[in-house]
């Protein structure tokens, strides 16, 4: 798998995400899912560990349940927004691979 983005790389804008919500980043070297909860952003490699499929639909729409869980649209695996831990479904104990980010002047930036 491709390396994580270099520190300082802008991956997206917080105000382009619903609260809570998620969408793929435009970062081309690695599929990254940006996730918002309040004023905090999280990012994960946009691959479900169950079967390696994206965590979003082809349109970019991402399923969020109970304002706390990312749901894989293909087989229903659920992951906690805050840490990517698998909390249900066929992915077992395999969580999402985090991409460390921070919010800086409204931009979601790789750490």
PDB file of N, CA and C in Angstrom:
ATOM      1  N   UNK A   1       0.840  -1.177   0.000  1.00  0.00           N
ATOM      2  CA  UNK A   1       0.000   0.000   0.000  1.00  0.00           C
ATOM      3  C   UNK A   1       0.886   1.242   0.000  1.00  0.00           C
ATOM      4  N   UNK A   2       0.395   2.289  -0.628  1.00  0.00           N
ATOM      5  CA  UNK A   2       1.118   3.548  -0.723  1.00  0.00           C
ATOM      6  C   UNK A   2       1.303   4.158   0.661  1.00  0.00           C
ATOM      7  N   UNK A   3       2.373   4.903   0.820  1.00  0.00           N
ATOM      8  CA  UNK A   3       2.646   5.556   2.101  1.00  0.00           C
ATOM      9  C   UNK A   3       1.605   6.621   2.400  1.00  0.00           C
ATOM     10  N   UNK A   4       1.508   6.950   3.685  1.00  0.00           N
ATOM     11  CA  UNK A   4       0.592   8.004   4.109  1.00  0.00           C
ATOM     12  C   UNK A   4       1.055   9.341   3.551  1.00  0.00           C
ATOM     13  N   UNK A   5       0.137  10.309   3.436  1.00  0.00           N
ATOM     14  CA  UNK A   5       0.528  11.610   2.882  1.00  0.00           C
ATOM     15  C   UNK A   5       1.558  12.305   3.765  1.00  0.00           C
ATOM     16  N   UNK A   6       2.448  13.086   3.151  1.00  0.00           N
ATOM     17  CA  UNK A   6       3.445  13.824   3.927  1.00  0.00           C
ATOM     18  C   UNK A   6       2.779  14.829   4.866  1.00  0.00           C
ATOM     19  N   UNK A   7       3.422  15.076   5.990  1.00  0.00           N
ATOM     20  CA  UNK A   7       2.933  16.059   6.955  1.00  0.00           C
ATOM     21  C   UNK A   7       2.727  17.399   6.258  1.00  0.00           C
ATOM     22  N   UNK A   8       1.616  18.044   6.565  1.00  0.00           N
ATOM     23  CA  UNK A   8       1.307  19.337   5.976  1.00  0.00           C
ATOM     24  C   UNK A   8       0.453  19.272   4.727  1.00  0.00           C
ATOM     25  N   UNK A   9       0.215  18.073   4.189  1.00  0.00           N
ATOM     26  CA  UNK A   9      -0.616  17.925   2.992  1.00  0.00           C
ATOM     27  C   UNK A   9      -2.075  18.223   3.340  1.00  0.00           C
ATOM     28  N   UNK A  10      -2.690  19.137   2.622  1.00  0.00           N
ATOM     29  CA  UNK A  10      -4.111  19.440   2.823  1.00  0.00           C
ATOM     30  C   UNK A  10      -4.925  18.348   2.135  1.00  0.00           C
ATOM     31  N   UNK A  11      -5.781  17.691   2.911  1.00  0.00           N
ATOM     32  CA  UNK A  11      -6.583  16.578   2.398  1.00  0.00           C
ATOM     33  C   UNK A  11      -8.024  16.981   2.100  1.00  0.00           C
ATOM     34  N   UNK A  12      -8.465  18.101   2.663  1.00  0.00           N
ATOM     35  CA  UNK A  12      -9.834  18.555   2.449  1.00  0.00           C
ATOM     36  C   UNK A  12     -10.158  19.708   3.367  1.00  0.00           C
ATOM     37  N   UNK A  13     -11.416  20.139   3.320  1.00  0.00           N
ATOM     38  CA  UNK A  13     -11.896  21.248   4.148  1.00  0.00           C
ATOM     39  C   UNK A  13     -12.995  20.736   5.077  1.00  0.00           C
ATOM     40  N   UNK A  14     -12.910  21.111   6.352  1.00  0.00           N
ATOM     41  CA  UNK A  14     -13.882  20.658   7.335  1.00  0.00           C
ATOM     42  C   UNK A  14     -15.298  21.071   6.946  1.00  0.00           C
ATOM     43  N   UNK A  15     -15.473  22.284   6.423  1.00  0.00           N
ATOM     44  CA  UNK A  15     -16.815  22.762   6.103  1.00  0.00           C
ATOM     45  C   UNK A  15     -17.436  22.071   4.889  1.00  0.00           C
ATOM     46  N   UNK A  16     -16.696  21.206   4.214  1.00  0.00           N
ATOM     47  CA  UNK A  16     -17.251  20.437   3.102  1.00  0.00           C
ATOM     48  C   UNK A  16     -17.821  19.097   3.555  1.00  0.00           C
ATOM     49  N   UNK A  17     -17.729  18.830   4.857  1.00  0.00           N
ATOM     50  CA  UNK A  17     -18.257  17.586   5.417  1.00  0.00           C
ATOM     51  C   UNK A  17     -19.479  17.886   6.264  1.00  0.00           C
ATOM     52  N   UNK A  18     -20.495  17.049   6.180  1.00  0.00           N
ATOM     53  CA  UNK A  18     -21.629  17.146   7.088  1.00  0.00           C
ATOM     54  C   UNK A  18     -21.140  16.871   8.498  1.00  0.00           C
ATOM     55  N   UNK A  19     -21.951  17.223   9.491  1.00  0.00           N
ATOM     56  CA  UNK A  19     -21.581  16.961  10.885  1.00  0.00           C
ATOM     57  C   UNK A  19     -22.664  16.127  11.555  1.00  0.00           C
ATOM     58  N   UNK A  20     -22.446  14.859  11.824  1.00  0.00           N
ATOM     59  CA  UNK A  20     -21.284  14.079  11.417  1.00  0.00           C
ATOM     60  C   UNK A  20     -21.425  13.666   9.959  1.00  0.00           C
ATOM     61  N   UNK A  21     -20.302  13.393   9.360  1.00  0.00           N
ATOM     62  CA  UNK A  21     -20.326  12.987   7.965  1.00  0.00           C
ATOM     63  C   UNK A  21     -18.955  12.578   7.480  1.00  0.00           C
ATOM     64  N   UNK A  22     -18.913  12.070   6.270  1.00  0.00           N
ATOM     65  CA  UNK A  22     -17.652  11.598   5.704  1.00  0.00           C
ATOM     66  C   UNK A  22     -17.722  11.680   4.191  1.00  0.00           C
ATOM     67  N   UNK A  23     -16.557  11.787   3.586  1.00  0.00           N
ATOM     68  CA  UNK A  23     -16.444  11.762   2.131  1.00  0.00           C
ATOM     69  C   UNK A  23     -15.002  11.458   1.767  1.00  0.00           C
ATOM     70  N   UNK A  24     -14.778  10.949   0.567  1.00  0.00           N
ATOM     71  CA  UNK A  24     -13.405  10.662   0.166  1.00  0.00           C
ATOM     72  C   UNK A  24     -12.613  11.948  -0.060  1.00  0.00           C
ATOM     73  N   UNK A  25     -11.336  11.884   0.234  1.00  0.00           N
ATOM     74  CA  UNK A  25     -10.422  12.986  -0.042  1.00  0.00           C
ATOM     75  C   UNK A  25     -10.039  12.944  -1.521  1.00  0.00           C
ATOM     76  N   UNK A  26      -9.635  14.083  -2.043  1.00  0.00           N
ATOM     77  CA  UNK A  26      -9.157  14.145  -3.423  1.00  0.00           C
ATOM     78  C   UNK A  26      -7.687  13.756  -3.525  1.00  0.00           C
ATOM     79  N   UNK A  27      -7.065  13.412  -2.406  1.00  0.00           N
ATOM     80  CA  UNK A  27      -5.658  13.019  -2.408  1.00  0.00           C
ATOM     81  C   UNK A  27      -5.504  11.780  -3.296  1.00  0.00           C
ATOM     82  N   UNK A  28      -4.729  11.894  -4.366  1.00  0.00           N
ATOM     83  CA  UNK A  28      -4.692  10.858  -5.402  1.00  0.00           C
ATOM     84  C   UNK A  28      -3.803   9.657  -5.080  1.00  0.00           C
ATOM     85  N   UNK A  29      -2.786   9.839  -4.257  1.00  0.00           N
ATOM     86  CA  UNK A  29      -1.816   8.760  -4.049  1.00  0.00           C
ATOM     87  C   UNK A  29      -2.329   7.634  -3.154  1.00  0.00           C
ATOM     88  N   UNK A  30      -3.386   7.888  -2.398  1.00  0.00           N
ATOM     89  CA  UNK A  30      -3.909   6.892  -1.459  1.00  0.00           C
ATOM     90  C   UNK A  30      -5.388   7.190  -1.244  1.00  0.00           C
ATOM     91  N   UNK A  31      -6.273   6.188  -1.298  1.00  0.00           N
ATOM     92  CA  UNK A  31      -7.684   6.469  -1.034  1.00  0.00           C
ATOM     93  C   UNK A  31      -7.881   6.767   0.453  1.00  0.00           C
ATOM     94  N   UNK A  32      -8.341   7.972   0.751  1.00  0.00           N
ATOM     95  CA  UNK A  32      -8.509   8.400   2.140  1.00  0.00           C
ATOM     96  C   UNK A  32      -9.945   8.849   2.338  1.00  0.00           C
ATOM     97  N   UNK A  33     -10.544   8.416   3.450  1.00  0.00           N
ATOM     98  CA  UNK A  33     -11.872   8.846   3.835  1.00  0.00           C
ATOM     99  C   UNK A  33     -11.725   9.881   4.946  1.00  0.00           C
ATOM    100  N   UNK A  34     -12.258  11.081   4.712  1.00  0.00           N
ATOM    101  CA  UNK A  34     -12.257  12.132   5.726  1.00  0.00           C
ATOM    102  C   UNK A  34     -13.564  12.054   6.485  1.00  0.00           C
ATOM    103  N   UNK A  35     -13.507  12.193   7.805  1.00  0.00           N
ATOM    104  CA  UNK A  35     -14.677  12.038   8.655  1.00  0.00           C
ATOM    105  C   UNK A  35     -14.741  13.225   9.614  1.00  0.00           C
ATOM    106  N   UNK A  36     -15.942  13.753   9.789  1.00  0.00           N
ATOM    107  CA  UNK A  36     -16.130  14.882  10.702  1.00  0.00           C
ATOM    108  C   UNK A  36     -17.098  14.508  11.803  1.00  0.00           C
ATOM    109  N   UNK A  37     -16.766  14.940  13.010  1.00  0.00           N
ATOM    110  CA  UNK A  37     -17.679  14.864  14.143  1.00  0.00           C
ATOM    111  C   UNK A  37     -17.450  16.139  14.940  1.00  0.00           C
ATOM    112  N   UNK A  38     -18.385  17.062  14.864  1.00  0.00           N
ATOM    113  CA  UNK A  38     -18.207  18.369  15.498  1.00  0.00           C
ATOM    114  C   UNK A  38     -17.107  19.140  14.783  1.00  0.00           C
ATOM    115  N   UNK A  39     -16.231  19.715  15.568  1.00  0.00           N
ATOM    116  CA  UNK A  39     -15.105  20.466  14.999  1.00  0.00           C
ATOM    117  C   UNK A  39     -13.861  19.604  14.846  1.00  0.00           C
ATOM    118  N   UNK A  40     -14.016  18.302  14.981  1.00  0.00           N
ATOM    119  CA  UNK A  40     -12.886  17.380  14.912  1.00  0.00           C
ATOM    120  C   UNK A  40     -12.954  16.590  13.613  1.00  0.00           C
ATOM    121  N   UNK A  41     -11.783  16.365  13.027  1.00  0.00           N
ATOM    122  CA  UNK A  41     -11.695  15.552  11.809  1.00  0.00           C
ATOM    123  C   UNK A  41     -10.874  14.300  12.098  1.00  0.00           C
ATOM    124  N   UNK A  42     -11.255  13.239  11.431  1.00  0.00           N
ATOM    125  CA  UNK A  42     -10.544  11.978  11.474  1.00  0.00           C
ATOM    126  C   UNK A  42     -10.332  11.560  10.031  1.00  0.00           C
ATOM    127  N   UNK A  43      -9.359  10.725   9.789  1.00  0.00           N
ATOM    128  CA  UNK A  43      -9.139  10.222   8.430  1.00  0.00           C
ATOM    129  C   UNK A  43      -8.673   8.772   8.513  1.00  0.00           C
ATOM    130  N   UNK A  44      -9.132   8.005   7.556  1.00  0.00           N
ATOM    131  CA  UNK A  44      -8.783   6.582   7.493  1.00  0.00           C
ATOM    132  C   UNK A  44      -8.504   6.212   6.048  1.00  0.00           C
ATOM    133  N   UNK A  45      -7.679   5.199   5.846  1.00  0.00           N
ATOM    134  CA  UNK A  45      -7.525   4.651   4.508  1.00  0.00           C
ATOM    135  C   UNK A  45      -8.908   4.139   4.113  1.00  0.00           C
ATOM    136  N   UNK A  46      -9.379   4.528   2.950  1.00  0.00           N
ATOM    137  CA  UNK A  46     -10.746   4.250   2.514  1.00  0.00           C
ATOM    138  C   UNK A  46     -10.879   2.818   1.991  1.00  0.00           C
ATOM    139  N   UNK A  47     -10.618   1.870   2.883  1.00  0.00           N
ATOM    140  CA  UNK A  47     -10.698   0.453   2.538  1.00  0.00           C
ATOM    141  C   UNK A  47     -11.254  -0.300   3.748  1.00  0.00           C
ATOM    142  N   UNK A  48     -12.339  -1.017   3.545  1.00  0.00           N
ATOM    143  CA  UNK A  48     -12.884  -1.848   4.614  1.00  0.00           C
ATOM    144  C   UNK A  48     -11.985  -3.076   4.764  1.00  0.00           C
ATOM    145  N   UNK A  49     -11.562  -3.402   5.990  1.00  0.00           N
ATOM    146  CA  UNK A  49     -10.684  -4.553   6.175  1.00  0.00           C
ATOM    147  C   UNK A  49     -11.356  -5.904   5.914  1.00  0.00           C
ATOM    148  N   UNK A  50     -12.670  -5.918   5.794  1.00  0.00           N
ATOM    149  CA  UNK A  50     -13.363  -7.182   5.567  1.00  0.00           C
ATOM    150  C   UNK A  50     -13.053  -7.755   4.184  1.00  0.00           C
ATOM    151  N   UNK A  51     -13.256  -6.967   3.129  1.00  0.00           N
ATOM    152  CA  UNK A  51     -12.996  -7.478   1.777  1.00  0.00           C
ATOM    153  C   UNK A  51     -12.273  -6.474   0.895  1.00  0.00           C
ATOM    154  N   UNK A  52     -11.723  -5.424   1.491  1.00  0.00           N
ATOM    155  CA  UNK A  52     -10.928  -4.479   0.728  1.00  0.00           C
ATOM    156  C   UNK A  52     -11.719  -3.535  -0.163  1.00  0.00           C
ATOM    157  N   UNK A  53     -12.999  -3.390   0.095  1.00  0.00           N
ATOM    158  CA  UNK A  53     -13.824  -2.488  -0.710  1.00  0.00           C
ATOM    159  C   UNK A  53     -13.861  -1.106  -0.069  1.00  0.00           C
ATOM    160  N   UNK A  54     -14.207  -0.074  -0.832  1.00  0.00           N
ATOM    161  CA  UNK A  54     -14.269   1.279  -0.262  1.00  0.00           C
ATOM    162  C   UNK A  54     -15.334   1.384   0.827  1.00  0.00           C
ATOM    163  N   UNK A  55     -15.144   2.325   1.723  1.00  0.00           N
ATOM    164  CA  UNK A  55     -16.102   2.572   2.803  1.00  0.00           C
ATOM    165  C   UNK A  55     -17.216   3.513   2.360  1.00  0.00           C
ATOM    166  N   UNK A  56     -17.181   3.913   1.104  1.00  0.00           N
ATOM    167  CA  UNK A  56     -18.208   4.802   0.577  1.00  0.00           C
ATOM    168  C   UNK A  56     -18.748   4.214  -0.724  1.00  0.00           C
ATOM    169  N   UNK A  57     -19.887   4.725  -1.123  1.00  0.00           N
ATOM    170  CA  UNK A  57     -20.472   4.334  -2.402  1.00  0.00           C
ATOM    171  C   UNK A  57     -19.720   5.034  -3.533  1.00  0.00           C
ATOM    172  N   UNK A  58     -19.869   4.584  -4.767  1.00  0.00           N
ATOM    173  CA  UNK A  58     -19.174   5.243  -5.879  1.00  0.00           C
ATOM    174  C   UNK A  58     -19.449   6.749  -5.964  1.00  0.00           C
ATOM    175  N   UNK A  59     -20.610   7.187  -5.489  1.00  0.00           N
ATOM    176  CA  UNK A  59     -20.951   8.615  -5.491  1.00  0.00           C
ATOM    177  C   UNK A  59     -20.161   9.394  -4.447  1.00  0.00           C
ATOM    178  N   UNK A  60     -19.484   8.678  -3.536  1.00  0.00           N
ATOM    179  CA  UNK A  60     -18.785   9.320  -2.424  1.00  0.00           C
ATOM    180  C   UNK A  60     -19.609   9.344  -1.150  1.00  0.00           C
ATOM    181  N   UNK A  61     -20.906   9.051  -1.266  1.00  0.00           N
ATOM    182  CA  UNK A  61     -21.768   9.031  -0.082  1.00  0.00           C
ATOM    183  C   UNK A  61     -21.278   7.963   0.886  1.00  0.00           C
ATOM    184  N   UNK A  62     -21.211   8.357   2.149  1.00  0.00           N
ATOM    185  CA  UNK A  62     -20.745   7.451   3.198  1.00  0.00           C
ATOM    186  C   UNK A  62     -21.846   7.315   4.240  1.00  0.00           C
ATOM    187  N   UNK A  63     -22.078   6.107   4.688  1.00  0.00           N
ATOM    188  CA  UNK A  63     -23.135   5.860   5.658  1.00  0.00           C
ATOM    189  C   UNK A  63     -22.608   6.069   7.078  1.00  0.00           C
ATOM    190  N   UNK A  64     -23.309   6.929   7.827  1.00  0.00           N
ATOM    191  CA  UNK A  64     -22.991   7.184   9.229  1.00  0.00           C
ATOM    192  C   UNK A  64     -24.221   6.791  10.032  1.00  0.00           C
ATOM    193  N   UNK A  65     -24.041   5.989  11.073  1.00  0.00           N
ATOM    194  CA  UNK A  65     -25.144   5.538  11.914  1.00  0.00           C
ATOM    195  C   UNK A  65     -25.008   6.119  13.313  1.00  0.00           C
ATOM    196  N   UNK A  66     -26.135   6.547  13.865  1.00  0.00           N
ATOM    197  CA  UNK A  66     -26.208   7.032  15.246  1.00  0.00           C
ATOM    198  C   UNK A  66     -25.183   8.118  15.543  1.00  0.00           C
ATOM    199  N   UNK A  67     -24.752   8.852  14.511  1.00  0.00           N
ATOM    200  CA  UNK A  67     -23.769   9.927  14.640  1.00  0.00           C
ATOM    201  C   UNK A  67     -22.440   9.457  15.235  1.00  0.00           C
ATOM    202  N   UNK A  68     -22.193   8.148  15.206  1.00  0.00           N
ATOM    203  CA  UNK A  68     -20.996   7.605  15.847  1.00  0.00           C
ATOM    204  C   UNK A  68     -20.267   6.525  15.060  1.00  0.00           C
ATOM    205  N   UNK A  69     -20.901   5.969  14.016  1.00  0.00           N
ATOM    206  CA  UNK A  69     -20.326   4.814  13.348  1.00  0.00           C
ATOM    207  C   UNK A  69     -20.298   4.968  11.826  1.00  0.00           C
ATOM    208  N   UNK A  70     -19.177   4.593  11.233  1.00  0.00           N
ATOM    209  CA  UNK A  70     -19.047   4.510   9.785  1.00  0.00           C
ATOM    210  C   UNK A  70     -19.501   3.099   9.406  1.00  0.00           C
ATOM    211  N   UNK A  71     -20.398   2.996   8.451  1.00  0.00           N
ATOM    212  CA  UNK A  71     -20.927   1.689   8.046  1.00  0.00           C
ATOM    213  C   UNK A  71     -20.453   1.379   6.625  1.00  0.00           C
ATOM    214  N   UNK A  72     -19.802   0.240   6.448  1.00  0.00           N
ATOM    215  CA  UNK A  72     -19.417  -0.182   5.101  1.00  0.00           C
ATOM    216  C   UNK A  72     -20.697  -0.490   4.328  1.00  0.00           C
ATOM    217  N   UNK A  73     -20.898   0.147   3.157  1.00  0.00           N
ATOM    218  CA  UNK A  73     -22.149  -0.057   2.427  1.00  0.00           C
ATOM    219  C   UNK A  73     -22.273  -1.422   1.748  1.00  0.00           C
ATOM    220  N   UNK A  74     -21.206  -2.185   1.720  1.00  0.00           N
ATOM    221  CA  UNK A  74     -21.242  -3.452   0.994  1.00  0.00           C
ATOM    222  C   UNK A  74     -21.623  -4.646   1.868  1.00  0.00           C
ATOM    223  N   UNK A  75     -21.096  -4.715   3.093  1.00  0.00           N
ATOM    224  CA  UNK A  75     -21.424  -5.846   3.954  1.00  0.00           C
ATOM    225  C   UNK A  75     -21.807  -5.450   5.371  1.00  0.00           C
ATOM    226  N   UNK A  76     -21.906  -4.149   5.646  1.00  0.00           N
ATOM    227  CA  UNK A  76     -22.432  -3.691   6.927  1.00  0.00           C
ATOM    228  C   UNK A  76     -21.467  -3.662   8.099  1.00  0.00           C
ATOM    229  N   UNK A  77     -20.178  -3.837   7.874  1.00  0.00           N
ATOM    230  CA  UNK A  77     -19.240  -3.710   8.996  1.00  0.00           C
ATOM    231  C   UNK A  77     -19.320  -2.281   9.543  1.00  0.00           C
ATOM    232  N   UNK A  78     -19.254  -2.130  10.865  1.00  0.00           N
ATOM    233  CA  UNK A  78     -19.343  -0.808  11.484  1.00  0.00           C
ATOM    234  C   UNK A  78     -18.069  -0.488  12.236  1.00  0.00           C
ATOM    235  N   UNK A  79     -17.693   0.791  12.152  1.00  0.00           N
ATOM    236  CA  UNK A  79     -16.444   1.263  12.737  1.00  0.00           C
ATOM    237  C   UNK A  79     -16.689   2.555  13.505  1.00  0.00           C
ATOM    238  N   UNK A  80     -16.091   2.674  14.689  1.00  0.00           N
ATOM    239  CA  UNK A  80     -16.235   3.884  15.487  1.00  0.00           C
ATOM    240  C   UNK A  80     -15.568   5.055  14.773  1.00  0.00           C
ATOM    241  N   UNK A  81     -16.265   6.186  14.707  1.00  0.00           N
ATOM    242  CA  UNK A  81     -15.716   7.370  14.045  1.00  0.00           C
ATOM    243  C   UNK A  81     -14.400   7.792  14.679  1.00  0.00           C
ATOM    244  N   UNK A  82     -14.323   7.812  16.007  1.00  0.00           N
ATOM    245  CA  UNK A  82     -13.176   8.386  16.706  1.00  0.00           C
ATOM    246  C   UNK A  82     -11.873   7.606  16.580  1.00  0.00           C
ATOM    247  N   UNK A  83     -11.946   6.273  16.411  1.00  0.00           N
ATOM    248  CA  UNK A  83     -10.691   5.512  16.368  1.00  0.00           C
ATOM    249  C   UNK A  83     -10.654   4.417  15.303  1.00  0.00           C
ATOM    250  N   UNK A  84     -11.735   4.244  14.566  1.00  0.00           N
ATOM    251  CA  UNK A  84     -11.759   3.253  13.493  1.00  0.00           C
ATOM    252  C   UNK A  84     -11.902   1.819  13.958  1.00  0.00           C
ATOM    253  N   UNK A  85     -12.135   1.608  15.252  1.00  0.00           N
ATOM    254  CA  UNK A  85     -12.282   0.243  15.772  1.00  0.00           C
ATOM    255  C   UNK A  85     -13.546  -0.395  15.210  1.00  0.00           C
ATOM    256  N   UNK A  86     -13.458  -1.659  14.850  1.00  0.00           N
ATOM    257  CA  UNK A  86     -14.623  -2.391  14.375  1.00  0.00           C
ATOM    258  C   UNK A  86     -15.531  -2.671  15.567  1.00  0.00           C
ATOM    259  N   UNK A  87     -16.807  -2.291  15.440  1.00  0.00           N
ATOM    260  CA  UNK A  87     -17.751  -2.491  16.537  1.00  0.00           C
ATOM    261  C   UNK A  87     -18.880  -3.444  16.157  1.00  0.00           C
ATOM    262  N   UNK A  88     -18.826  -3.984  14.935  1.00  0.00           N
ATOM    263  CA  UNK A  88     -19.839  -4.943  14.526  1.00  0.00           C
ATOM    264  C   UNK A  88     -19.696  -5.316  13.064  1.00  0.00           C
ATOM    265  N   UNK A  89     -20.271  -6.460  12.726  1.00  0.00           N
ATOM    266  CA  UNK A  89     -20.258  -6.883  11.336  1.00  0.00           C
ATOM    267  C   UNK A  89     -19.117  -7.822  11.006  1.00  0.00           C
ATOM    268  N   UNK A  90     -18.948  -8.116   9.721  1.00  0.00           N
ATOM    269  CA  UNK A  90     -18.047  -9.181   9.288  1.00  0.00           C
ATOM    270  C   UNK A  90     -16.549  -8.860   9.322  1.00  0.00           C
ATOM    271  N   UNK A  91     -16.154  -7.668   9.708  1.00  0.00           N
ATOM    272  CA  UNK A  91     -14.711  -7.358   9.738  1.00  0.00           C
ATOM    273  C   UNK A  91     -14.027  -7.907  10.985  1.00  0.00           C
ATOM    274  N   UNK A  92     -14.800  -8.484  11.901  1.00  0.00           N
ATOM    275  CA  UNK A  92     -14.205  -9.049  13.118  1.00  0.00           C
ATOM    276  C   UNK A  92     -13.544  -7.980  13.954  1.00  0.00           C
ATOM    277  N   UNK A  93     -12.304  -8.212  14.339  1.00  0.00           N
ATOM    278  CA  UNK A  93     -11.575  -7.255  15.174  1.00  0.00           C
ATOM    279  C   UNK A  93     -10.702  -6.309  14.350  1.00  0.00           C
ATOM    280  N   UNK A  94     -10.733  -6.439  13.026  1.00  0.00           N
ATOM    281  CA  UNK A  94      -9.893  -5.610  12.164  1.00  0.00           C
ATOM    282  C   UNK A  94     -10.479  -4.207  12.063  1.00  0.00           C
ATOM    283  N   UNK A  95      -9.726  -3.220  12.516  1.00  0.00           N
ATOM    284  CA  UNK A  95     -10.170  -1.832  12.448  1.00  0.00           C
ATOM    285  C   UNK A  95      -9.653  -1.142  11.201  1.00  0.00           C
ATOM    286  N   UNK A  96     -10.046   0.102  11.072  1.00  0.00           N
ATOM    287  CA  UNK A  96      -9.598   0.917   9.939  1.00  0.00           C
ATOM    288  C   UNK A  96      -8.193   1.424  10.179  1.00  0.00           C
ATOM    289  N   UNK A  97      -7.441   1.629   9.086  1.00  0.00           N
ATOM    290  CA  UNK A  97      -6.083   2.161   9.192  1.00  0.00           C
ATOM    291  C   UNK A  97      -6.170   3.687   9.269  1.00  0.00           C
ATOM    292  N   UNK A  98      -5.726   4.270  10.405  1.00  0.00           N
ATOM    293  CA  UNK A  98      -5.841   5.720  10.561  1.00  0.00           C
ATOM    294  C   UNK A  98      -4.817   6.490   9.728  1.00  0.00           C
ATOM    295  N   UNK A  99      -5.216   7.680   9.351  1.00  0.00           N
ATOM    296  CA  UNK A  99      -4.333   8.651   8.707  1.00  0.00           C
ATOM    297  C   UNK A  99      -4.336   9.846   9.662  1.00  0.00           C
ATOM    298  N   UNK A 100      -3.229  10.098  10.370  1.00  0.00           N
ATOM    299  CA  UNK A 100      -3.227  11.188  11.357  1.00  0.00           C
ATOM    300  C   UNK A 100      -3.452  12.549  10.690  1.00  0.00           C
ATOM    301  N   UNK A 101      -4.435  13.293  11.227  1.00  0.00           N
ATOM    302  CA  UNK A 101      -4.759  14.618  10.698  1.00  0.00           C
ATOM    303  C   UNK A 101      -5.032  15.590  11.847  1.00  0.00           C
ATOM    304  N   UNK A 102      -5.028  16.869  11.486  1.00  0.00           N
ATOM    305  CA  UNK A 102      -5.443  17.935  12.398  1.00  0.00           C
ATOM    306  C   UNK A 102      -6.239  18.935  11.570  1.00  0.00           C
ATOM    307  N   UNK A 103      -7.032  19.768  12.249  1.00  0.00           N
ATOM    308  CA  UNK A 103      -7.741  20.836  11.564  1.00  0.00           C
ATOM    309  C   UNK A 103      -6.964  22.121  11.806  1.00  0.00           C
ATOM    310  N   UNK A 104      -6.634  22.801  10.705  1.00  0.00           N
ATOM    311  CA  UNK A 104      -5.835  24.021  10.766  1.00  0.00           C
ATOM    312  C   UNK A 104      -6.501  25.069   9.880  1.00  0.00           C
ATOM    313  N   UNK A 105      -7.059  26.105  10.480  1.00  0.00           N
ATOM    314  CA  UNK A 105      -7.763  27.151   9.733  1.00  0.00           C
ATOM    315  C   UNK A 105      -8.830  26.584   8.799  1.00  0.00           C
ATOM    316  N   UNK A 106      -9.554  25.573   9.270  1.00  0.00           N
ATOM    317  CA  UNK A 106     -10.621  24.960   8.492  1.00  0.00           C
ATOM    318  C   UNK A 106     -10.177  23.875   7.529  1.00  0.00           C
ATOM    319  N   UNK A 107      -8.868  23.725   7.340  1.00  0.00           N
ATOM    320  CA  UNK A 107      -8.345  22.684   6.443  1.00  0.00           C
ATOM    321  C   UNK A 107      -8.045  21.417   7.244  1.00  0.00           C
ATOM    322  N   UNK A 108      -8.275  20.273   6.634  1.00  0.00           N
ATOM    323  CA  UNK A 108      -7.901  18.993   7.248  1.00  0.00           C
ATOM    324  C   UNK A 108      -6.520  18.667   6.670  1.00  0.00           C
ATOM    325  N   UNK A 109      -5.536  18.613   7.565  1.00  0.00           N
ATOM    326  CA  UNK A 109      -4.134  18.539   7.172  1.00  0.00           C
ATOM    327  C   UNK A 109      -3.503  17.273   7.748  1.00  0.00           C
ATOM    328  N   UNK A 110      -2.717  16.573   6.922  1.00  0.00           N
ATOM    329  CA  UNK A 110      -1.988  15.396   7.404  1.00  0.00           C
ATOM    330  C   UNK A 110      -0.948  15.829   8.423  1.00  0.00           C
ATOM    331  N   UNK A 111      -0.805  15.025   9.463  1.00  0.00           N
ATOM    332  CA  UNK A 111       0.182  15.316  10.518  1.00  0.00           C
ATOM    333  C   UNK A 111       1.498  14.640  10.179  1.00  0.00           C
TER     334      UNK A 111
END
